[in-house]
Amino acid sequence: MMQKIEQIFERVLWDVRFVVLFAVIVSVILSFATFYVAAIDAYNTVFHLVHYADPALSAIEKVELRNSTVTHIVEVLDGFLLGTILLIFAFGLYELFISKIDCAHEGEGASNVLIINNLDDLKNRLAKVILLILIVKFFEYGINMKFTTPMDLLTFAAGIALIGLALFLSHKAEDHAPIIGGKH
């Protein structure tokens, strides 16, 4: 009798993993929404650029338009990266808790980015894309930053150095993947 109860309990417990499907579906929907917003922002950025060729614009207005355009492009990239994070998260959760995505593992067109073997793989892939988003955000703020004191410039340079260090460390972390069974 106890063995039967244990089997039923384990079956129910195992089937509870399907609650993850909710997170997968919501992540995919949010990814599409983020791509949609970024695409509309990209369209609006290009639409506003039509005025760049206007001979009536002064040099100062052109510089302002150029700077705002670069800022908007960075924001669009940021949106696409966020949408990508949501997709990677959805694929990772699905593969970890529900089932392997067969077509992601087949053929030459299959991307290793989407193949998640464990929570560390998912965490590492998400961390890399989040780091990229932070770099893009820093770039966006750097474009609009007004340097009024030498300390502003020094702080900005320190930020660039820290970004370089973060990229270096993330690259080094890849090179020193844990050794399993004597192989990398």
Protein backbone atom coordinates (compact mmCIF):
# COMPACT_ATOMS: atom_id res chain seq x y z
CA MET A 1 0.00 0.00 0.00
CA MET A 2 2.77 2.47 0.95
CA GLN A 3 4.61 1.65 -2.26
CA LYS A 4 1.49 2.45 -4.32
CA ILE A 5 1.03 5.79 -2.49
CA GLU A 6 4.70 6.58 -3.06
CA GLN A 7 4.36 5.82 -6.80
CA ILE A 8 1.28 8.04 -7.09
CA PHE A 9 2.96 10.83 -5.15
CA GLU A 10 6.09 10.63 -7.31
CA ARG A 11 3.99 10.65 -10.51
CA VAL A 12 2.08 13.74 -9.34
CA LEU A 13 5.29 15.41 -8.22
CA TRP A 14 6.93 14.67 -11.57
CA ASP A 15 3.92 15.98 -13.50
CA VAL A 16 4.01 19.25 -11.54
CA ARG A 17 6.99 20.21 -13.70
CA PHE A 18 4.49 21.09 -16.45
CA VAL A 19 3.74 24.31 -14.56
CA VAL A 20 6.96 25.51 -16.24
CA LEU A 21 5.01 25.59 -19.51
CA PHE A 22 3.29 28.72 -18.22
CA ALA A 23 6.67 30.48 -17.89
CA VAL A 24 7.73 29.20 -21.33
CA ILE A 25 4.57 30.47 -23.04
CA VAL A 26 4.65 33.84 -21.25
CA SER A 27 8.35 34.27 -22.10
CA VAL A 28 7.69 33.59 -25.79
CA ILE A 29 4.75 36.04 -25.82
CA LEU A 30 6.86 38.70 -24.08
CA SER A 31 9.67 38.03 -26.54
CA PHE A 32 7.34 38.67 -29.48
CA ALA A 33 6.04 41.79 -27.77
CA THR A 34 9.59 43.03 -27.20
CA PHE A 35 10.54 42.35 -30.84
CA TYR A 36 7.40 44.19 -31.94
CA VAL A 37 8.23 47.25 -29.82
CA ALA A 38 11.84 47.24 -31.04
CA ALA A 39 10.72 46.92 -34.67
CA ILE A 40 8.31 49.86 -34.30
CA ASP A 41 11.09 51.88 -32.66
CA ALA A 42 13.40 50.99 -35.57
CA TYR A 43 10.77 52.09 -38.08
CA ASN A 44 10.23 55.38 -36.24
CA THR A 45 13.99 55.99 -36.07
CA VAL A 46 14.37 55.51 -39.82
CA PHE A 47 11.27 57.64 -40.46
CA HIS A 48 12.72 60.54 -38.45
CA LEU A 49 16.02 60.25 -40.31
CA VAL A 50 14.35 61.48 -43.49
CA HIS A 51 14.76 65.00 -42.11
CA TYR A 52 18.52 64.58 -41.83
CA ALA A 53 19.03 65.52 -45.48
CA ASP A 54 16.99 68.72 -45.06
CA PRO A 55 19.27 71.64 -46.06
CA ALA A 56 17.35 73.91 -43.67
CA LEU A 57 18.85 72.05 -40.66
CA SER A 58 21.74 73.81 -39.01
CA ALA A 59 24.93 71.96 -38.17
CA ILE A 60 23.95 71.89 -34.49
CA GLU A 61 20.53 70.44 -35.31
CA LYS A 62 22.19 67.76 -37.48
CA VAL A 63 24.53 66.81 -34.65
CA GLU A 64 21.57 66.59 -32.25
CA LEU A 65 19.60 64.50 -34.75
CA ARG A 66 22.60 62.22 -35.30
CA ASN A 67 23.12 61.75 -31.56
CA SER A 68 19.44 61.05 -30.93
CA THR A 69 19.43 58.61 -33.85
CA VAL A 70 22.40 56.70 -32.47
CA THR A 71 20.69 56.64 -29.06
CA HIS A 72 17.49 55.30 -30.61
CA ILE A 73 19.43 52.65 -32.54
CA VAL A 74 21.06 51.54 -29.30
CA GLU A 75 17.62 51.36 -27.67
CA VAL A 76 16.40 49.21 -30.58
CA LEU A 77 19.37 46.88 -30.15
CA ASP A 78 18.58 46.75 -26.46
CA GLY A 79 15.00 45.72 -27.24
CA PHE A 80 16.10 42.96 -29.62
CA LEU A 81 18.59 41.68 -27.06
CA LEU A 82 15.91 41.59 -24.37
CA GLY A 83 13.63 39.67 -26.74
CA THR A 84 16.49 37.26 -27.35
CA ILE A 85 16.97 36.74 -23.61
CA LEU A 86 13.30 35.87 -23.26
CA LEU A 87 13.56 33.31 -26.08
CA ILE A 88 16.70 31.72 -24.65
CA PHE A 89 14.99 31.58 -21.26
CA ALA A 90 11.89 29.93 -22.77
CA PHE A 91 13.92 27.36 -24.73
CA GLY A 92 16.10 26.63 -21.72
CA LEU A 93 13.22 26.10 -19.33
CA TYR A 94 11.44 23.88 -21.84
CA GLU A 95 14.52 21.74 -22.44
CA LEU A 96 15.36 21.46 -18.76
CA PHE A 97 11.91 20.65 -17.41
CA ILE A 98 9.73 19.33 -20.22
CA SER A 99 11.56 17.79 -23.18
CA LYS A 100 14.48 18.26 -25.54
CA ILE A 101 13.68 20.31 -28.62
CA ASP A 102 14.57 17.74 -31.28
CA CYS A 103 14.86 20.13 -34.21
CA ALA A 104 17.30 22.31 -32.21
CA HIS A 105 19.69 19.36 -31.99
CA GLU A 106 19.44 18.29 -35.63
CA GLY A 107 21.15 19.49 -38.76
CA GLU A 108 23.79 22.05 -39.56
CA GLY A 109 21.49 25.02 -39.02
CA ALA A 110 20.93 24.11 -35.39
CA SER A 111 22.37 26.66 -33.04
CA ASN A 112 24.37 25.67 -29.98
CA VAL A 113 23.06 28.83 -28.31
CA LEU A 114 19.68 27.20 -27.90
CA ILE A 115 20.92 23.86 -26.60
CA ILE A 116 20.68 23.93 -22.81
CA ASN A 117 21.98 20.91 -20.88
CA ASN A 118 21.61 22.16 -17.29
CA LEU A 119 20.78 25.22 -15.20
CA ASP A 120 24.38 26.42 -15.42
CA ASP A 121 24.16 26.47 -19.24
CA LEU A 122 20.97 28.51 -19.03
CA LYS A 123 22.45 30.85 -16.44
CA ASN A 124 25.64 31.37 -18.47
CA ARG A 125 23.81 32.09 -21.70
CA LEU A 126 21.47 34.52 -19.98
CA ALA A 127 24.37 36.19 -18.19
CA LYS A 128 26.19 36.79 -21.48
CA VAL A 129 23.19 38.40 -23.11
CA ILE A 130 22.46 40.48 -20.00
CA LEU A 131 26.10 41.63 -19.99
CA LEU A 132 25.68 42.64 -23.62
CA ILE A 133 22.54 44.61 -22.75
CA LEU A 134 24.39 46.38 -19.94
CA ILE A 135 27.20 47.28 -22.35
CA VAL A 136 24.67 48.65 -24.83
CA LYS A 137 23.00 50.68 -22.04
CA PHE A 138 26.39 52.04 -20.95
CA PHE A 139 27.09 53.02 -24.56
CA GLU A 140 23.71 54.74 -24.72
CA TYR A 141 24.43 56.74 -21.56
CA GLY A 142 27.95 57.50 -22.78
CA ILE A 143 26.62 59.09 -25.95
CA ASN A 144 24.42 61.48 -23.99
CA MET A 145 26.87 62.13 -21.16
CA LYS A 146 28.08 65.67 -20.67
CA PHE A 147 31.61 65.84 -19.35
CA THR A 148 31.82 68.93 -17.18
CA THR A 149 34.68 67.97 -14.88
CA PRO A 150 37.77 65.79 -15.19
CA MET A 151 36.16 63.45 -12.65
CA ASP A 152 33.30 62.82 -15.11
CA LEU A 153 35.79 61.72 -17.74
CA LEU A 154 37.70 59.60 -15.22
CA THR A 155 34.47 57.93 -14.06
CA PHE A 156 33.50 57.20 -17.66
CA ALA A 157 36.95 55.73 -18.35
CA ALA A 158 36.66 53.57 -15.22
CA GLY A 159 33.31 52.31 -16.48
CA ILE A 160 34.89 51.35 -19.81
CA ALA A 161 37.71 49.57 -17.97
CA LEU A 162 35.18 47.64 -15.86
CA ILE A 163 33.29 46.62 -19.00
CA GLY A 164 36.55 45.37 -20.48
CA LEU A 165 37.26 43.43 -17.29
CA ALA A 166 33.76 41.91 -17.32
CA LEU A 167 34.19 40.79 -20.94
CA PHE A 168 37.64 39.40 -20.16
CA LEU A 169 36.37 37.47 -17.16
CA SER A 170 33.36 36.09 -19.02
CA HIS A 171 35.66 34.96 -21.83
CA LYS A 172 38.06 33.37 -19.34
CA ALA A 173 35.17 31.58 -17.66
CA GLU A 174 34.39 29.90 -20.99
CA ASP A 175 37.99 28.77 -21.39
CA HIS A 176 37.97 27.15 -17.94
CA ALA A 177 34.81 25.10 -18.22
CA PRO A 178 34.64 22.30 -15.63
CA ILE A 179 36.40 19.13 -16.62
CA ILE A 180 34.04 16.16 -16.73
CA GLY A 181 35.48 12.73 -17.33
CA GLY A 182 38.89 14.20 -18.18
CA LYS A 183 37.58 16.28 -21.14
CA HIS A 184 36.42 19.87 -21.55
